[in-house]
Amino acid sequence: MKKFLSIHILLELVGGLALFLYPKLLFYGGEAPSETIPVIKLYGLLATCFSLGYIFVVQNIETKTRVFVQFYLLAMAFQLFITFQCYGLTNTGYFKHPGAFYVHLLAFITLTIGYFLHRFDNVSRN
């Protein structure tokens, strides 16, 4: 479980920092509207903070606890919702390149595989 969550952390950290430092990367192959740059930077900061919070979760919370499972499900939900948003923005033509959609979809699938490979029959109530 922690390995799958560590992949998620690395992906979010690299992606968040890249979007914060180079927000026009999101519009690869197209022109970035200037009014969207602060929002993209804000999302980059959010993704970076999200990944830093999950570093704390991986280091300090045991895998067999209910709290860890809830944080893991939160990470899965985050990836799923961002995937839906990126899909909509790609379909409407706002994003010229579907890379963000595929990256978040791959992250969601990876987390889902990790969730189903792990047995939660003996999860404690803590």
C-alpha atoms as a PDB file:
ATOM      1  CA  MET A   1       0.000   0.000   0.000  1.00  0.00           C
ATOM      2  CA  LYS A   2       2.690   2.462   0.932  1.00  0.00           C
ATOM      3  CA  LYS A   3       4.500   1.788  -2.350  1.00  0.00           C
ATOM      4  CA  PHE A   4       1.426   2.723  -4.371  1.00  0.00           C
ATOM      5  CA  LEU A   5       0.861   5.806  -2.254  1.00  0.00           C
ATOM      6  CA  SER A   6       4.541   6.740  -2.668  1.00  0.00           C
ATOM      7  CA  ILE A   7       4.109   6.653  -6.460  1.00  0.00           C
ATOM      8  CA  HIS A   8       1.140   8.985  -6.027  1.00  0.00           C
ATOM      9  CA  ILE A   9       3.197  11.301  -3.823  1.00  0.00           C
ATOM     10  CA  LEU A  10       6.021  11.497  -6.335  1.00  0.00           C
ATOM     11  CA  LEU A  11       3.625  12.141  -9.210  1.00  0.00           C
ATOM     12  CA  GLU A  12       1.788  14.918  -7.374  1.00  0.00           C
ATOM     13  CA  LEU A  13       4.988  16.522  -6.109  1.00  0.00           C
ATOM     14  CA  VAL A  14       6.648  16.648  -9.529  1.00  0.00           C
ATOM     15  CA  GLY A  15       3.439  17.706 -11.278  1.00  0.00           C
ATOM     16  CA  GLY A  16       2.579  20.325  -8.679  1.00  0.00           C
ATOM     17  CA  LEU A  17       6.014  21.896  -8.747  1.00  0.00           C
ATOM     18  CA  ALA A  18       6.077  21.846 -12.559  1.00  0.00           C
ATOM     19  CA  LEU A  19       2.702  23.585 -12.774  1.00  0.00           C
ATOM     20  CA  PHE A  20       3.660  26.127 -10.142  1.00  0.00           C
ATOM     21  CA  LEU A  21       6.951  27.011 -11.838  1.00  0.00           C
ATOM     22  CA  TYR A  22       5.837  26.574 -15.487  1.00  0.00           C
ATOM     23  CA  PRO A  23       2.031  26.951 -15.672  1.00  0.00           C
ATOM     24  CA  LYS A  24       2.050  27.205 -19.473  1.00  0.00           C
ATOM     25  CA  LEU A  25       3.056  23.527 -19.674  1.00  0.00           C
ATOM     26  CA  LEU A  26      -0.613  22.674 -19.174  1.00  0.00           C
ATOM     27  CA  PHE A  27      -1.391  24.282 -22.532  1.00  0.00           C
ATOM     28  CA  TYR A  28       1.276  22.404 -24.490  1.00  0.00           C
ATOM     29  CA  GLY A  29       0.500  22.885 -28.161  1.00  0.00           C
ATOM     30  CA  GLY A  30      -1.775  25.855 -27.592  1.00  0.00           C
ATOM     31  CA  GLU A  31      -1.950  29.366 -26.211  1.00  0.00           C
ATOM     32  CA  ALA A  32      -2.451  29.859 -22.462  1.00  0.00           C
ATOM     33  CA  PRO A  33      -4.999  32.549 -21.559  1.00  0.00           C
ATOM     34  CA  SER A  34      -3.282  34.959 -19.161  1.00  0.00           C
ATOM     35  CA  GLU A  35      -6.182  34.958 -16.683  1.00  0.00           C
ATOM     36  CA  THR A  36      -5.777  31.203 -16.071  1.00  0.00           C
ATOM     37  CA  ILE A  37      -2.130  31.374 -14.993  1.00  0.00           C
ATOM     38  CA  PRO A  38      -2.853  32.276 -11.314  1.00  0.00           C
ATOM     39  CA  VAL A  39      -5.412  29.460 -11.046  1.00  0.00           C
ATOM     40  CA  ILE A  40      -2.960  26.948 -12.517  1.00  0.00           C
ATOM     41  CA  LYS A  41      -0.273  28.118 -10.101  1.00  0.00           C
ATOM     42  CA  LEU A  42      -2.761  27.722  -7.249  1.00  0.00           C
ATOM     43  CA  TYR A  43      -3.499  24.138  -8.340  1.00  0.00           C
ATOM     44  CA  GLY A  44       0.235  23.444  -8.527  1.00  0.00           C
ATOM     45  CA  LEU A  45       0.621  24.700  -4.980  1.00  0.00           C
ATOM     46  CA  LEU A  46      -2.352  22.585  -3.870  1.00  0.00           C
ATOM     47  CA  ALA A  47      -0.926  19.431  -5.469  1.00  0.00           C
ATOM     48  CA  THR A  48       2.470  20.083  -3.861  1.00  0.00           C
ATOM     49  CA  CYS A  49       0.928  20.584  -0.406  1.00  0.00           C
ATOM     50  CA  PHE A  50      -1.256  17.511  -0.914  1.00  0.00           C
ATOM     51  CA  SER A  51       1.803  15.384  -1.661  1.00  0.00           C
ATOM     52  CA  LEU A  52       3.731  16.790   1.307  1.00  0.00           C
ATOM     53  CA  GLY A  53       0.803  15.909   3.566  1.00  0.00           C
ATOM     54  CA  TYR A  54       0.813  12.379   2.231  1.00  0.00           C
ATOM     55  CA  ILE A  55       4.527  12.058   2.976  1.00  0.00           C
ATOM     56  CA  PHE A  56       3.526  12.555   6.614  1.00  0.00           C
ATOM     57  CA  VAL A  57       0.808   9.896   6.254  1.00  0.00           C
ATOM     58  CA  VAL A  58       3.183   7.334   4.738  1.00  0.00           C
ATOM     59  CA  GLN A  59       5.874   7.917   7.356  1.00  0.00           C
ATOM     60  CA  ASN A  60       3.720   8.112  10.497  1.00  0.00           C
ATOM     61  CA  ILE A  61       0.575   6.012  10.052  1.00  0.00           C
ATOM     62  CA  GLU A  62       0.557   2.217  10.033  1.00  0.00           C
ATOM     63  CA  THR A  63      -0.861   0.526   6.932  1.00  0.00           C
ATOM     64  CA  LYS A  64      -3.294  -1.706   8.833  1.00  0.00           C
ATOM     65  CA  THR A  65      -5.158   1.166  10.471  1.00  0.00           C
ATOM     66  CA  ARG A  66      -8.500   2.533   9.434  1.00  0.00           C
ATOM     67  CA  VAL A  67      -7.100   6.068   9.243  1.00  0.00           C
ATOM     68  CA  PHE A  68      -4.532   5.007   6.638  1.00  0.00           C
ATOM     69  CA  VAL A  69      -7.246   3.377   4.533  1.00  0.00           C
ATOM     70  CA  GLN A  70      -9.344   6.544   4.712  1.00  0.00           C
ATOM     71  CA  PHE A  71      -6.409   8.693   3.590  1.00  0.00           C
ATOM     72  CA  TYR A  72      -5.731   6.207   0.792  1.00  0.00           C
ATOM     73  CA  LEU A  73      -9.350   6.435  -0.375  1.00  0.00           C
ATOM     74  CA  LEU A  74      -9.108  10.229  -0.243  1.00  0.00           C
ATOM     75  CA  ALA A  75      -6.093  10.105  -2.573  1.00  0.00           C
ATOM     76  CA  MET A  76      -8.047   7.837  -4.936  1.00  0.00           C
ATOM     77  CA  ALA A  77     -11.016  10.219  -4.927  1.00  0.00           C
ATOM     78  CA  PHE A  78      -8.745  13.207  -5.575  1.00  0.00           C
ATOM     79  CA  GLN A  79      -7.261  11.504  -8.634  1.00  0.00           C
ATOM     80  CA  LEU A  80     -10.688  10.457  -9.902  1.00  0.00           C
ATOM     81  CA  PHE A  81     -12.146  13.961  -9.629  1.00  0.00           C
ATOM     82  CA  ILE A  82      -9.121  15.568 -11.287  1.00  0.00           C
ATOM     83  CA  THR A  83      -9.362  12.939 -14.047  1.00  0.00           C
ATOM     84  CA  PHE A  84     -12.990  13.875 -14.715  1.00  0.00           C
ATOM     85  CA  GLN A  85     -12.121  17.575 -14.783  1.00  0.00           C
ATOM     86  CA  CYS A  86      -9.192  17.068 -17.165  1.00  0.00           C
ATOM     87  CA  TYR A  87     -11.350  14.894 -19.419  1.00  0.00           C
ATOM     88  CA  GLY A  88     -13.962  17.634 -19.657  1.00  0.00           C
ATOM     89  CA  LEU A  89     -11.377  20.309 -20.373  1.00  0.00           C
ATOM     90  CA  THR A  90      -9.757  18.143 -23.051  1.00  0.00           C
ATOM     91  CA  ASN A  91     -13.097  17.330 -24.708  1.00  0.00           C
ATOM     92  CA  THR A  92     -14.130  20.977 -24.872  1.00  0.00           C
ATOM     93  CA  GLY A  93     -10.836  21.886 -26.509  1.00  0.00           C
ATOM     94  CA  TYR A  94      -9.569  23.970 -23.621  1.00  0.00           C
ATOM     95  CA  PHE A  95      -6.555  21.658 -23.261  1.00  0.00           C
ATOM     96  CA  LYS A  96      -4.987  20.941 -26.634  1.00  0.00           C
ATOM     97  CA  HIS A  97      -3.014  17.971 -25.302  1.00  0.00           C
ATOM     98  CA  PRO A  98      -4.697  15.149 -23.279  1.00  0.00           C
ATOM     99  CA  GLY A  99      -1.565  14.467 -21.204  1.00  0.00           C
ATOM    100  CA  ALA A 100      -3.012  15.715 -17.903  1.00  0.00           C
ATOM    101  CA  PHE A 101      -6.051  13.481 -18.349  1.00  0.00           C
ATOM    102  CA  TYR A 102      -3.927  10.385 -18.995  1.00  0.00           C
ATOM    103  CA  VAL A 103      -1.535  11.074 -16.113  1.00  0.00           C
ATOM    104  CA  HIS A 104      -4.358  11.420 -13.579  1.00  0.00           C
ATOM    105  CA  LEU A 105      -6.201   8.423 -15.021  1.00  0.00           C
ATOM    106  CA  LEU A 106      -3.038   6.328 -14.703  1.00  0.00           C
ATOM    107  CA  ALA A 107      -2.555   7.529 -11.118  1.00  0.00           C
ATOM    108  CA  PHE A 108      -6.155   6.583 -10.265  1.00  0.00           C
ATOM    109  CA  ILE A 109      -5.785   3.136 -11.851  1.00  0.00           C
ATOM    110  CA  THR A 110      -2.503   2.556 -10.009  1.00  0.00           C
ATOM    111  CA  LEU A 111      -4.047   3.509  -6.666  1.00  0.00           C
ATOM    112  CA  THR A 112      -7.076   1.314  -7.383  1.00  0.00           C
ATOM    113  CA  ILE A 113      -4.866  -1.679  -8.165  1.00  0.00           C
ATOM    114  CA  GLY A 114      -2.978  -1.079  -4.915  1.00  0.00           C
ATOM    115  CA  TYR A 115      -6.255  -0.877  -3.024  1.00  0.00           C
ATOM    116  CA  PHE A 116      -7.571  -4.171  -4.367  1.00  0.00           C
ATOM    117  CA  LEU A 117      -4.256  -6.000  -3.970  1.00  0.00           C
ATOM    118  CA  HIS A 118      -4.208  -5.169  -0.286  1.00  0.00           C
ATOM    119  CA  ARG A 119      -6.466  -7.157   2.031  1.00  0.00           C
ATOM    120  CA  PHE A 120      -8.449  -5.071   4.514  1.00  0.00           C
ATOM    121  CA  ASP A 121      -9.925  -7.988   6.429  1.00  0.00           C
ATOM    122  CA  ASN A 122      -7.716  -7.300   9.430  1.00  0.00           C
ATOM    123  CA  VAL A 123      -7.837  -3.501   9.540  1.00  0.00           C
ATOM    124  CA  SER A 124      -7.897  -2.243  13.116  1.00  0.00           C
ATOM    125  CA  ARG A 125     -10.344   0.363  14.389  1.00  0.00           C
ATOM    126  CA  ASN A 126      -7.629   2.956  15.182  1.00  0.00           C
END
